[in-house]
Amino acid sequence: MVSEAPPFWWTKMDWRARCLQPVAFVYGRIAASLMNRRRRHALAVPVICVGNFTVGGAGKTPTAIAIARAAKAKGLKPGFLSRGYGGSLDVTTVVDPQHHRSSAVGDEPLLLAREALTVISRRRVAGAERLVAEGVDLIIMDDGFQSARLKVDFALIVIDTIRGIGNGCTVPAGPVRAPIRTQMRHLDAILKVGSGNAADALVRQASRAGKPVLVANVKPRDAHDLKGKPVLAYAGIADPGKFYRTLEDVGAVITDRQGFPDHHHLADDEIVDLLQRAQKQGLQLVTTAKDHVRLTGGHGEAARLAEQSVVVEIDMAFDDPNAPAQIIDKASAACRARKLAAKA
């Protein structure tokens, strides 16, 4: 999968997208075939997949965390399953946030592991089986919706209402991972994040297909001290603009900003540049939890940057506070139903 979405994916279709359409058509056919393949491996515990239609972030990780918190409130032991994108380990591993670094296990798994047992694995079946062996009674997949390896009991697709699905084209002409019509058939609900209108057409399509549409917003946690403060904001996430909007919502004054590719590990010269720019302009360094975790455990200037940066933590706030618990209930019911069907 393409790791960094080119800017033209998120604008109106242009000549670059049109030139890539023949390749995108083939890619889409293959992706649709994989999605339509029967999920062969069923687990003894419910599996919830938090995915998205496109390459790049839409809020999957905070959504997965919200569901895990709801599971713990119900007395369950949830576990996260991730491919560990951006990490070097290629073996199934239980993530230890006290000892692992993002260069080994990836940045998002470290954030997930703060909330619940997290396993990374390039092979999702092996990772899921490891979670079951560790005693979890609910698996939450961070991504993996387009994979055909595991039987999913509830697929929640997160869509950002500002970016939507970009130009609507399939990779490599655009950010869409598989034909929307195919993806729509396999999802159980859509989570619309934010108050933009870029997702309106998809929401209408989902409603016509009888798919529930949930609504949520990203809420910053404990960021009141940034109100009125001039900051240098830096972020290596799929959509740095989302982070900048969050800062503006809490009243921070973004005097300088620096975006990096998603999952980017800062080089020494980039770290020094950020520190010098902030010092010269008298600005507070501000970043995301995902960026900060990539600095954790570093030495020298990396440790200095981590220490001097204010981290803006975010939560996914559902309009219906009961929605995460209802998702868990539906996944559990689907799991029971398939196990009974297997015995019949």
Protein backbone atom coordinates (compact mmCIF):
# COMPACT_ATOMS: atom_id res chain seq x y z
CA MET A 1 0.00 0.00 0.00
CA VAL A 2 1.23 3.48 -0.80
CA SER A 3 2.59 5.06 2.38
CA GLU A 4 2.45 8.74 1.48
CA ALA A 5 -0.50 10.18 -0.39
CA PRO A 6 0.57 12.64 -3.12
CA PRO A 7 -1.18 16.02 -2.90
CA PHE A 8 -3.06 15.61 -6.20
CA TRP A 9 -5.05 12.76 -4.67
CA TRP A 10 -6.87 15.30 -2.48
CA THR A 11 -7.84 17.74 -5.21
CA LYS A 12 -10.20 17.59 -8.18
CA MET A 13 -9.20 14.90 -10.69
CA ASP A 14 -6.48 16.21 -12.99
CA TRP A 15 -4.25 14.90 -15.80
CA ARG A 16 -2.11 12.90 -13.39
CA ALA A 17 -5.07 10.96 -12.07
CA ARG A 18 -6.39 10.42 -15.60
CA CYS A 19 -3.04 9.07 -16.79
CA LEU A 20 -3.04 6.57 -13.94
CA GLN A 21 -6.62 5.43 -14.44
CA PRO A 22 -5.75 2.25 -16.40
CA VAL A 23 -3.47 1.07 -13.58
CA ALA A 24 -6.05 2.14 -11.00
CA PHE A 25 -8.70 0.08 -12.80
CA VAL A 26 -6.58 -3.06 -12.53
CA TYR A 27 -5.71 -2.30 -8.92
CA GLY A 28 -9.38 -1.79 -8.10
CA ARG A 29 -10.39 -5.07 -9.69
CA ILE A 30 -7.78 -6.94 -7.66
CA ALA A 31 -8.72 -5.15 -4.44
CA ALA A 32 -12.40 -5.88 -5.00
CA SER A 33 -11.64 -9.54 -5.67
CA LEU A 34 -9.72 -9.78 -2.40
CA MET A 35 -12.51 -8.11 -0.44
CA ASN A 36 -15.17 -10.35 -1.95
CA ARG A 37 -13.20 -13.47 -1.09
CA ARG A 38 -14.83 -15.29 1.78
CA ARG A 39 -13.15 -14.56 5.12
CA ARG A 40 -11.75 -17.95 5.94
CA HIS A 41 -10.39 -17.63 9.45
CA ALA A 42 -12.96 -17.21 12.20
CA LEU A 43 -11.94 -16.66 15.81
CA ALA A 44 -13.63 -17.66 19.05
CA VAL A 45 -13.90 -14.01 20.12
CA PRO A 46 -15.61 -11.04 18.45
CA VAL A 47 -13.53 -9.02 15.99
CA ILE A 48 -14.19 -5.33 15.36
CA CYS A 49 -12.37 -3.70 12.46
CA VAL A 50 -11.83 0.06 12.47
CA GLY A 51 -10.85 1.01 8.94
CA ASN A 52 -11.27 3.66 6.30
CA PHE A 53 -12.02 3.95 2.61
CA THR A 54 -8.73 5.59 1.72
CA VAL A 55 -5.00 5.58 2.23
CA GLY A 56 -4.08 7.93 5.05
CA GLY A 57 -5.53 8.72 8.43
CA ALA A 58 -9.14 9.52 9.11
CA GLY A 59 -9.16 8.98 12.86
CA LYS A 60 -8.92 5.20 13.15
CA THR A 61 -6.61 5.08 16.15
CA PRO A 62 -8.61 7.36 18.50
CA THR A 63 -11.76 5.52 17.39
CA ALA A 64 -10.21 2.17 18.24
CA ILE A 65 -9.17 3.53 21.63
CA ALA A 66 -12.70 4.79 22.32
CA ILE A 67 -14.08 1.31 21.62
CA ALA A 68 -11.45 -0.30 23.85
CA ARG A 69 -12.37 2.01 26.71
CA ALA A 70 -16.03 1.11 26.26
CA ALA A 71 -15.08 -2.57 26.32
CA LYS A 72 -13.16 -2.18 29.57
CA ALA A 73 -16.14 -0.35 31.06
CA LYS A 74 -18.22 -3.45 30.23
CA GLY A 75 -15.73 -5.66 32.09
CA LEU A 76 -14.13 -7.06 28.94
CA LYS A 77 -10.46 -7.53 28.14
CA PRO A 78 -9.93 -5.97 24.70
CA GLY A 79 -6.83 -6.39 22.58
CA PHE A 80 -5.58 -4.38 19.61
CA LEU A 81 -4.29 -5.97 16.40
CA SER A 82 -2.00 -3.88 14.20
CA ARG A 83 0.41 -4.54 11.35
CA GLY A 84 2.93 -2.27 13.05
CA TYR A 85 3.37 -0.03 10.06
CA GLY A 86 6.60 1.95 10.22
CA GLY A 87 8.31 -0.53 12.53
CA SER A 88 11.14 -2.89 11.71
CA LEU A 89 9.95 -6.01 13.52
CA ASP A 90 8.57 -8.66 11.16
CA VAL A 91 7.60 -11.22 13.82
CA THR A 92 4.39 -11.38 15.82
CA THR A 93 5.08 -9.31 18.94
CA VAL A 94 3.28 -8.16 22.07
CA VAL A 95 4.01 -4.43 22.30
CA ASP A 96 5.59 -3.20 25.52
CA PRO A 97 5.27 0.60 25.68
CA GLN A 98 7.90 0.74 28.42
CA HIS A 99 10.60 -0.94 26.36
CA HIS A 100 9.73 -0.89 22.65
CA ARG A 101 10.46 2.09 20.43
CA SER A 102 8.44 3.21 17.46
CA SER A 103 11.28 2.32 15.08
CA ALA A 104 10.70 -1.32 16.05
CA VAL A 105 6.93 -1.61 16.48
CA GLY A 106 5.50 1.51 14.82
CA ASP A 107 4.07 4.67 16.37
CA GLU A 108 0.36 3.83 16.47
CA PRO A 109 0.87 0.47 18.27
CA LEU A 110 2.72 2.31 21.05
CA LEU A 111 -0.27 4.61 21.51
CA LEU A 112 -2.66 1.65 21.48
CA ALA A 113 -0.53 -0.30 23.96
CA ARG A 114 -1.04 2.45 26.53
CA GLU A 115 -4.73 1.52 26.54
CA ALA A 116 -4.84 -2.26 26.14
CA LEU A 117 -2.86 -5.34 25.16
CA THR A 118 -1.52 -4.77 21.65
CA VAL A 119 -0.03 -7.24 19.19
CA ILE A 120 1.70 -6.36 15.94
CA SER A 121 1.98 -8.88 13.14
CA ARG A 122 2.48 -8.73 9.41
CA ARG A 123 0.19 -11.79 9.31
CA ARG A 124 -3.14 -10.79 10.79
CA VAL A 125 -4.28 -14.35 11.50
CA ALA A 126 -1.15 -15.06 13.54
CA GLY A 127 -1.54 -11.79 15.40
CA ALA A 128 -5.19 -12.47 16.19
CA GLU A 129 -4.40 -15.93 17.45
CA ARG A 130 -1.71 -14.50 19.70
CA LEU A 131 -4.23 -12.10 21.21
CA VAL A 132 -6.63 -14.97 21.89
CA ALA A 133 -3.79 -16.93 23.51
CA GLU A 134 -3.11 -13.89 25.70
CA GLY A 135 -6.67 -14.10 27.00
CA VAL A 136 -8.48 -11.23 25.27
CA ASP A 137 -12.21 -11.56 24.74
CA LEU A 138 -12.53 -8.82 22.09
CA ILE A 139 -10.17 -7.98 19.24
CA ILE A 140 -10.07 -4.48 17.77
CA MET A 141 -8.26 -4.27 14.45
CA ASP A 142 -6.67 -0.91 13.72
CA ASP A 143 -7.03 -0.97 9.93
CA GLY A 144 -7.27 -4.13 7.82
CA PHE A 145 -10.78 -3.63 6.44
CA GLN A 146 -9.71 -4.49 2.91
CA SER A 147 -7.99 -7.70 4.03
CA ALA A 148 -9.75 -11.03 3.47
CA ARG A 149 -7.79 -13.01 6.05
CA LEU A 150 -9.99 -12.70 9.14
CA LYS A 151 -13.69 -12.97 9.72
CA VAL A 152 -14.82 -9.58 10.99
CA ASP A 153 -17.93 -9.33 13.15
CA PHE A 154 -18.34 -5.56 12.86
CA ALA A 155 -16.60 -3.25 10.38
CA LEU A 156 -16.69 0.45 11.27
CA ILE A 157 -15.38 2.74 8.54
CA VAL A 158 -14.12 6.15 9.62
CA ILE A 159 -14.32 9.06 7.18
CA ASP A 160 -13.05 12.59 7.68
CA THR A 161 -15.63 15.16 6.60
CA ILE A 162 -13.01 17.70 5.50
CA ARG A 163 -10.92 15.48 3.20
CA GLY A 164 -13.56 12.89 2.29
CA ILE A 165 -12.19 10.46 -0.28
CA GLY A 166 -10.19 13.04 -2.22
CA ASN A 167 -10.60 12.80 -5.97
CA GLY A 168 -12.53 9.54 -5.54
CA CYS A 169 -10.10 7.51 -7.64
CA THR A 170 -8.59 4.17 -6.73
CA VAL A 171 -4.86 3.82 -5.99
CA PRO A 172 -2.59 4.92 -7.67
CA ALA A 173 -4.79 7.55 -9.34
CA GLY A 174 -6.30 8.52 -6.00
CA PRO A 175 -6.46 7.53 -2.34
CA VAL A 176 -9.34 5.00 -2.47
CA ARG A 177 -8.20 1.51 -1.45
CA ALA A 178 -10.89 -0.46 -3.28
CA PRO A 179 -14.01 0.43 -5.29
CA ILE A 180 -16.43 2.24 -3.00
CA ARG A 181 -19.34 0.05 -4.06
CA THR A 182 -17.42 -3.05 -2.96
CA GLN A 183 -16.33 -1.49 0.32
CA MET A 184 -19.88 -0.35 1.05
CA ARG A 185 -21.14 -3.93 0.81
CA HIS A 186 -18.74 -5.16 3.47
CA LEU A 187 -19.01 -2.41 6.09
CA ASP A 188 -21.48 -2.42 8.97
CA ALA A 189 -21.47 1.30 9.81
CA ILE A 190 -19.79 4.58 8.90
CA LEU A 191 -18.36 6.98 11.44
CA LYS A 192 -18.47 10.54 10.13
CA VAL A 193 -15.83 12.66 11.87
CA GLY A 194 -16.05 16.44 11.90
CA SER A 195 -18.47 19.02 10.55
CA GLY A 196 -17.37 19.36 6.93
CA ASN A 197 -19.39 18.30 3.88
CA ALA A 198 -16.82 16.28 1.91
CA ALA A 199 -18.40 13.01 3.09
CA ASP A 200 -22.02 13.95 2.33
CA ALA A 201 -22.26 11.91 -0.89
CA LEU A 202 -20.91 8.80 0.82
CA VAL A 203 -23.23 9.27 3.77
CA ARG A 204 -26.21 9.43 1.40
CA GLN A 205 -24.95 6.31 -0.38
CA ALA A 206 -24.60 4.49 2.92
CA SER A 207 -28.08 5.54 4.01
CA ARG A 208 -29.56 4.24 0.77
CA ALA A 209 -27.77 0.94 1.40
CA GLY A 210 -29.26 0.73 4.88
CA LYS A 211 -25.93 1.27 6.63
CA PRO A 212 -25.98 3.18 9.94
CA VAL A 213 -24.10 6.48 10.02
CA LEU A 214 -22.56 7.51 13.33
CA VAL A 215 -21.18 10.96 14.07
CA ALA A 216 -18.16 11.99 16.13
CA ASN A 217 -15.69 14.81 16.59
CA VAL A 218 -12.05 14.94 17.61
CA LYS A 219 -11.74 16.61 21.00
CA PRO A 220 -8.39 17.85 22.36
CA ARG A 221 -7.62 16.84 25.92
CA ASP A 222 -6.24 19.37 28.42
CA ALA A 223 -5.03 21.93 25.87
CA HIS A 224 -6.41 25.04 27.57
CA ASP A 225 -2.92 26.37 28.41
CA LEU A 226 -2.33 26.94 24.69
CA LYS A 227 -5.03 29.59 24.36
CA GLY A 228 -3.52 32.78 23.01
CA LYS A 229 0.01 31.30 22.99
CA PRO A 230 2.18 31.62 19.86
CA VAL A 231 3.34 28.18 18.80
CA LEU A 232 5.44 26.29 16.28
CA ALA A 233 3.30 23.31 15.32
CA TYR A 234 4.92 20.27 13.73
CA ALA A 235 3.27 17.01 12.70
CA GLY A 236 4.15 13.91 10.71
CA ILE A 237 0.67 12.52 10.20
CA ALA A 238 -1.46 11.79 7.15
CA ASP A 239 -3.27 15.12 7.40
CA PRO A 240 -1.27 17.77 9.32
CA GLY A 241 -4.04 20.24 8.54
CA LYS A 242 -6.30 18.38 10.95
CA PHE A 243 -3.80 18.99 13.73
CA TYR A 244 -3.51 22.68 12.87
CA ARG A 245 -7.31 23.03 12.97
CA THR A 246 -7.37 21.39 16.39
CA LEU A 247 -4.82 23.90 17.66
CA GLU A 248 -6.84 26.79 16.27
CA ASP A 249 -9.95 25.40 17.96
CA VAL A 250 -8.25 25.62 21.37
CA GLY A 251 -7.07 29.17 20.64
CA ALA A 252 -3.39 28.58 19.95
CA VAL A 253 -1.72 31.11 17.63
CA ILE A 254 0.14 29.13 14.97
CA THR A 255 3.03 31.45 14.12
CA ASP A 256 5.10 28.77 12.41
CA ARG A 257 4.32 25.26 11.23
CA GLN A 258 6.08 22.26 9.73
CA GLY A 259 4.50 19.19 8.19
CA PHE A 260 6.25 15.88 7.58
CA PRO A 261 5.19 12.64 5.85
CA ASP A 262 3.04 10.22 7.83
CA HIS A 263 5.03 8.07 10.30
CA HIS A 264 8.13 10.17 9.59
CA HIS A 265 11.11 9.73 11.93
CA LEU A 266 12.79 13.10 12.26
CA ALA A 267 16.40 13.35 11.11
CA ASP A 268 18.94 15.13 13.30
CA ASP A 269 19.01 18.21 11.08
CA GLU A 270 15.20 18.43 11.12
CA ILE A 271 15.19 18.27 14.91
CA VAL A 272 17.83 20.98 15.20
CA ASP A 273 15.91 23.14 12.72
CA LEU A 274 12.71 22.93 14.78
CA LEU A 275 14.52 23.73 18.01
CA GLN A 276 16.32 26.71 16.49
CA ARG A 277 13.21 28.11 14.82
CA ALA A 278 11.24 27.92 18.06
CA GLN A 279 14.03 29.54 20.07
CA LYS A 280 14.63 32.32 17.56
CA GLN A 281 10.94 33.28 17.39
CA GLY A 282 10.13 32.63 21.04
CA LEU A 283 7.55 29.99 20.20
CA GLN A 284 6.21 27.00 22.12
CA LEU A 285 6.78 23.74 20.25
CA VAL A 286 3.57 21.76 19.89
CA THR A 287 3.02 18.35 18.34
CA THR A 288 0.77 15.28 18.26
CA ALA A 289 0.95 12.22 20.50
CA LYS A 290 1.88 10.15 17.46
CA ASP A 291 4.84 12.41 16.67
CA HIS A 292 5.94 12.60 20.28
CA VAL A 293 5.99 8.83 20.71
CA ARG A 294 8.46 8.61 17.83
CA LEU A 295 10.82 10.83 19.85
CA THR A 296 10.36 8.87 23.07
CA GLY A 297 13.49 7.03 24.13
CA GLY A 298 15.71 9.16 21.91
CA HIS A 299 18.92 10.83 23.01
CA GLY A 300 20.60 14.16 22.51
CA GLU A 301 18.60 16.66 20.48
CA ALA A 302 15.71 14.20 20.04
CA ALA A 303 15.30 13.99 23.81
CA ARG A 304 15.51 17.78 24.00
CA LEU A 305 12.79 18.21 21.39
CA ALA A 306 10.57 15.68 23.16
CA GLU A 307 11.05 17.53 26.45
CA GLN A 308 10.35 20.96 25.02
CA SER A 309 7.25 19.96 23.01
CA VAL A 310 3.74 20.24 24.33
CA VAL A 311 1.72 17.19 23.26
CA VAL A 312 -1.90 17.70 22.28
CA GLU A 313 -3.73 14.47 23.11
CA ILE A 314 -7.06 13.89 21.38
CA ASP A 315 -10.13 11.75 22.01
CA MET A 316 -12.84 10.63 19.64
CA ALA A 317 -16.10 11.95 21.06
CA PHE A 318 -19.19 10.22 19.67
CA ASP A 319 -22.36 12.28 19.44
CA ASP A 320 -24.09 9.27 20.98
CA PRO A 321 -21.94 8.29 23.99
CA ASN A 322 -23.48 4.81 23.91
CA ALA A 323 -22.37 4.14 20.33
CA PRO A 324 -19.06 2.35 21.18
CA ALA A 325 -20.84 0.02 23.60
CA GLN A 326 -23.52 -0.69 20.99
CA ILE A 327 -20.83 -1.55 18.43
CA ILE A 328 -19.37 -4.05 20.89
CA ASP A 329 -22.81 -5.56 21.52
CA LYS A 330 -23.46 -5.97 17.80
CA ALA A 331 -20.06 -7.56 17.24
CA SER A 332 -20.65 -9.96 20.12
CA ALA A 333 -24.06 -10.94 18.75
CA ALA A 334 -22.59 -11.54 15.29
CA CYS A 335 -19.84 -13.68 16.82
CA ARG A 336 -22.38 -15.81 18.68
CA ALA A 337 -24.47 -16.20 15.55
CA ARG A 338 -21.57 -17.38 13.38
CA LYS A 339 -20.43 -19.86 16.04
CA LEU A 340 -23.93 -21.32 16.23
CA ALA A 341 -24.07 -21.49 12.43
CA ALA A 342 -20.74 -23.33 12.38
CA LYS A 343 -22.11 -25.97 14.75
CA ALA A 344 -25.32 -26.49 12.76
